[in-house]
Amino acid sequence: MDTVEKYINRFPAELADLAVAIRRIILDAHPCMTERLSYGIPFFYCGTWVCYLNLTKDFRLELGFCKGHLLHDPEGRLLAKGRKLVRSLQFQSLDDIDEQELNEFLGQAVKLNRSRLEQQGL
């Protein structure tokens, strides 16, 4: 079975380092966060889907938030790219990572998932 590590190891070196750094931030965002490959890419879960990592055609690393349309984004940093639900951030290098911003979006996404699960009695 493929793992997230094997997926990341297929990237060019600079993008692999970037993916490892973002993955660490995601997994550290909340104790319930887990990961697994779905649809051939890494998805991160905290109850349900929170986000995913994907390599774009132009060799950027995309962090997609599955319910991104519900996240508070006053600066307009999250990209819709014509999608109704998913919003994403794109990265080309380690310098593109704003860890505080990333943690804010991850915190919102986890809180949203957990409140929705509680509303459903799960």
Protein backbone atom coordinates (compact mmCIF):
# COMPACT_ATOMS: atom_id res chain seq x y z
CA MET A 1 0.00 0.00 0.00
CA ASP A 2 1.26 3.48 -0.86
CA THR A 3 1.85 5.93 1.93
CA VAL A 4 1.94 9.70 2.12
CA GLU A 5 5.73 9.47 2.48
CA LYS A 6 6.04 7.52 -0.77
CA TYR A 7 3.79 10.05 -2.50
CA ILE A 8 5.94 12.97 -1.31
CA ASN A 9 9.19 11.19 -2.18
CA ARG A 10 8.17 11.24 -5.86
CA PHE A 11 8.32 15.06 -5.89
CA PRO A 12 11.36 17.05 -7.03
CA ALA A 13 13.61 17.73 -4.00
CA GLU A 14 12.52 21.33 -3.29
CA LEU A 15 8.84 20.45 -3.52
CA ALA A 16 9.37 17.37 -1.35
CA ASP A 17 10.92 19.56 1.36
CA LEU A 18 7.98 21.94 1.04
CA ALA A 19 5.44 19.09 1.26
CA VAL A 20 7.17 17.66 4.36
CA ALA A 21 7.05 21.07 6.07
CA ILE A 22 3.36 21.62 5.27
CA ARG A 23 2.50 18.05 6.26
CA ARG A 24 4.16 18.59 9.65
CA ILE A 25 2.11 21.76 10.23
CA ILE A 26 -1.10 19.97 9.25
CA LEU A 27 -0.49 16.94 11.49
CA ASP A 28 0.48 19.21 14.40
CA ALA A 29 -2.67 21.34 13.97
CA HIS A 30 -4.86 19.11 16.14
CA PRO A 31 -4.42 15.82 18.04
CA CYS A 32 -7.21 14.17 16.02
CA MET A 33 -5.53 14.83 12.65
CA THR A 34 -4.77 11.72 10.60
CA GLU A 35 -3.70 11.19 7.00
CA ARG A 36 -4.15 8.70 4.21
CA LEU A 37 -4.01 8.55 0.46
CA SER A 38 -7.40 8.96 -1.19
CA TYR A 39 -7.90 9.44 -4.92
CA GLY A 40 -4.13 9.09 -5.24
CA ILE A 41 -3.26 12.15 -3.09
CA PRO A 42 -2.80 12.80 0.66
CA PHE A 43 -5.96 13.76 2.53
CA PHE A 44 -5.96 14.87 6.14
CA TYR A 45 -8.86 14.04 8.44
CA CYS A 46 -10.16 15.19 11.77
CA GLY A 47 -13.47 13.39 11.94
CA THR A 48 -14.00 14.04 8.23
CA TRP A 49 -11.95 15.53 5.41
CA VAL A 50 -10.14 18.71 6.40
CA CYS A 51 -7.70 19.26 3.55
CA TYR A 52 -5.50 17.65 0.94
CA LEU A 53 -2.12 18.17 -0.73
CA ASN A 54 -1.83 18.07 -4.50
CA LEU A 55 0.89 18.85 -6.99
CA THR A 56 -0.45 21.17 -9.69
CA LYS A 57 0.39 20.94 -13.37
CA ASP A 58 2.64 23.99 -13.06
CA PHE A 59 4.59 22.35 -10.19
CA ARG A 60 3.10 24.21 -7.27
CA LEU A 61 1.99 22.51 -4.11
CA GLU A 62 -1.69 23.09 -3.47
CA LEU A 63 -3.24 22.78 -0.02
CA GLY A 64 -6.95 22.44 -0.62
CA PHE A 65 -9.49 22.92 2.17
CA CYS A 66 -12.45 20.62 1.54
CA LYS A 67 -14.98 23.05 3.03
CA GLY A 68 -12.96 26.13 2.21
CA HIS A 69 -15.99 28.14 1.11
CA LEU A 70 -17.03 28.24 4.79
CA LEU A 71 -13.68 29.52 6.12
CA HIS A 72 -13.28 33.12 7.21
CA ASP A 73 -10.79 34.68 4.79
CA PRO A 74 -10.88 38.50 5.07
CA GLU A 75 -7.58 38.87 3.18
CA GLY A 76 -8.87 36.82 0.23
CA ARG A 77 -5.90 34.45 0.33
CA LEU A 78 -7.85 31.29 -0.44
CA LEU A 79 -8.23 30.54 -4.15
CA ALA A 80 -11.57 29.28 -5.49
CA LYS A 81 -10.35 28.48 -9.03
CA GLY A 82 -13.96 28.00 -10.17
CA ARG A 83 -14.77 25.47 -7.43
CA LYS A 84 -17.94 25.74 -5.37
CA LEU A 85 -16.68 24.26 -2.09
CA VAL A 86 -12.91 23.83 -2.11
CA ARG A 87 -10.56 26.76 -1.50
CA SER A 88 -6.81 26.44 -1.61
CA LEU A 89 -3.43 27.95 -0.94
CA GLN A 90 -0.53 27.41 -3.33
CA PHE A 91 3.15 27.19 -2.50
CA GLN A 92 6.33 27.10 -4.58
CA SER A 93 8.98 27.30 -1.86
CA LEU A 94 9.45 27.16 1.90
CA ASP A 95 9.45 30.97 1.91
CA ASP A 96 5.77 30.92 0.83
CA ILE A 97 4.68 29.31 4.11
CA ASP A 98 3.06 31.65 6.62
CA GLU A 99 2.77 29.20 9.49
CA GLN A 100 0.51 31.47 11.55
CA GLU A 101 -1.92 31.93 8.65
CA LEU A 102 -1.83 28.23 7.83
CA ASN A 103 -2.57 27.32 11.45
CA GLU A 104 -5.47 29.77 11.49
CA PHE A 105 -7.08 28.17 8.42
CA LEU A 106 -6.43 24.67 9.76
CA GLY A 107 -7.92 25.60 13.15
CA GLN A 108 -11.03 26.96 11.47
CA ALA A 109 -11.39 23.86 9.30
CA VAL A 110 -11.02 21.47 12.25
CA LYS A 111 -13.47 23.48 14.36
CA LEU A 112 -15.96 23.47 11.50
CA ASN A 113 -15.68 19.69 11.08
CA ARG A 114 -16.01 19.02 14.79
CA SER A 115 -19.08 21.28 15.19
CA ARG A 116 -20.77 19.66 12.20
CA LEU A 117 -20.12 16.18 13.61
CA GLU A 118 -21.52 17.26 16.98
CA GLN A 119 -24.65 18.62 15.28
CA GLN A 120 -25.10 15.22 13.63
CA GLY A 121 -24.63 13.46 16.97
CA LEU A 122 -21.41 11.72 15.90
